[in-house]
Amino acid sequence: MFLIPLILISTSLGIVSQISEKIQIGKLSKFFKSSVVWILGIVLTIFTGVLSLEGTLTSSVDGFTAKTTKAVVTSTIPVVR
């Protein structure tokens, strides 16, 4: 949401810093770039954690559901031997 404006601001400041020697805003541009990298890293870490947790929970729930379904089916449907 707010990352694209930060990237655009960082890029603009970097270009202005390279064009003009009077304006020293290279450090500000690097700060914005570093902030974007950190935010993306944190978001990616959280996203990966949620996906792995969801995968683990899904397999557990699937196993539980399969066992429950098997128990219900075997108890309600008579089997002739």
Protein backbone atom coordinates (compact mmCIF):
# COMPACT_ATOMS: atom_id res chain seq x y z
CA MET A 1 0.00 0.00 0.00
CA PHE A 2 2.59 2.51 1.06
CA LEU A 3 5.63 0.70 -0.34
CA ILE A 4 5.19 1.88 -3.92
CA PRO A 5 5.24 5.59 -2.93
CA LEU A 6 8.35 4.91 -0.82
CA ILE A 7 10.03 3.21 -3.77
CA LEU A 8 9.11 6.11 -6.06
CA ILE A 9 10.36 8.68 -3.55
CA SER A 10 13.62 6.77 -3.09
CA THR A 11 14.14 6.52 -6.83
CA SER A 12 13.35 10.20 -7.39
CA LEU A 13 15.70 11.29 -4.62
CA GLY A 14 18.43 9.05 -5.99
CA ILE A 15 18.07 10.53 -9.48
CA VAL A 16 18.06 14.10 -8.16
CA SER A 17 21.08 13.33 -6.01
CA GLN A 18 23.00 12.05 -9.05
CA ILE A 19 22.00 14.96 -11.29
CA SER A 20 22.80 17.83 -8.96
CA GLU A 21 25.95 18.11 -6.86
CA LYS A 22 24.50 20.99 -4.85
CA ILE A 23 21.70 18.90 -3.40
CA GLN A 24 22.96 16.16 -1.10
CA ILE A 25 20.06 13.81 -0.58
CA GLY A 26 21.76 10.51 -1.34
CA LYS A 27 21.59 9.39 2.29
CA LEU A 28 17.86 10.08 2.41
CA SER A 29 17.40 7.99 -0.73
CA LYS A 30 19.41 5.15 0.80
CA PHE A 31 17.31 5.40 3.98
CA PHE A 32 14.07 5.00 2.03
CA LYS A 33 15.53 2.10 0.06
CA SER A 34 16.70 0.40 3.25
CA SER A 35 13.28 0.92 4.84
CA VAL A 36 11.53 -0.68 1.87
CA VAL A 37 13.90 -3.67 1.95
CA TRP A 38 13.31 -4.16 5.68
CA ILE A 39 9.53 -3.88 5.36
CA LEU A 40 9.48 -6.36 2.48
CA GLY A 41 11.68 -8.76 4.45
CA ILE A 42 9.41 -8.62 7.48
CA VAL A 43 6.27 -9.06 5.38
CA LEU A 44 7.83 -12.00 3.53
CA THR A 45 8.87 -13.63 6.81
CA ILE A 46 5.36 -13.29 8.25
CA PHE A 47 3.80 -14.57 5.01
CA THR A 48 6.08 -17.61 4.92
CA GLY A 49 5.37 -18.36 8.58
CA VAL A 50 1.62 -18.16 8.07
CA LEU A 51 1.78 -20.42 5.00
CA SER A 52 3.87 -23.05 6.77
CA LEU A 53 1.62 -22.95 9.82
CA GLU A 54 -1.45 -23.27 7.60
CA GLY A 55 0.09 -26.25 5.80
CA THR A 56 0.89 -27.97 9.08
CA LEU A 57 -2.55 -27.36 10.53
CA THR A 58 -4.28 -28.42 7.32
CA SER A 59 -2.53 -31.78 7.26
CA SER A 60 -3.42 -32.35 10.93
CA VAL A 61 -7.05 -31.40 10.37
CA ASP A 62 -7.22 -33.58 7.24
CA GLY A 63 -5.95 -36.58 9.18
CA PHE A 64 -8.42 -35.95 11.99
CA THR A 65 -11.27 -35.52 9.51
CA ALA A 66 -10.38 -38.74 7.70
CA LYS A 67 -10.30 -40.73 10.94
CA THR A 68 -13.58 -39.21 12.11
CA THR A 69 -15.27 -39.89 8.78
CA LYS A 70 -14.04 -43.48 8.78
CA ALA A 71 -15.34 -44.01 12.31
CA VAL A 72 -18.73 -42.51 11.47
CA VAL A 73 -19.09 -44.52 8.26
CA THR A 74 -18.10 -47.82 9.89
CA SER A 75 -20.51 -47.27 12.78
CA THR A 76 -23.51 -46.24 10.68
CA ILE A 77 -23.22 -48.49 7.60
CA PRO A 78 -23.64 -52.18 8.38
CA VAL A 79 -21.14 -54.46 6.72
CA VAL A 80 -22.19 -58.02 5.84
CA ARG A 81 -19.42 -60.56 6.29
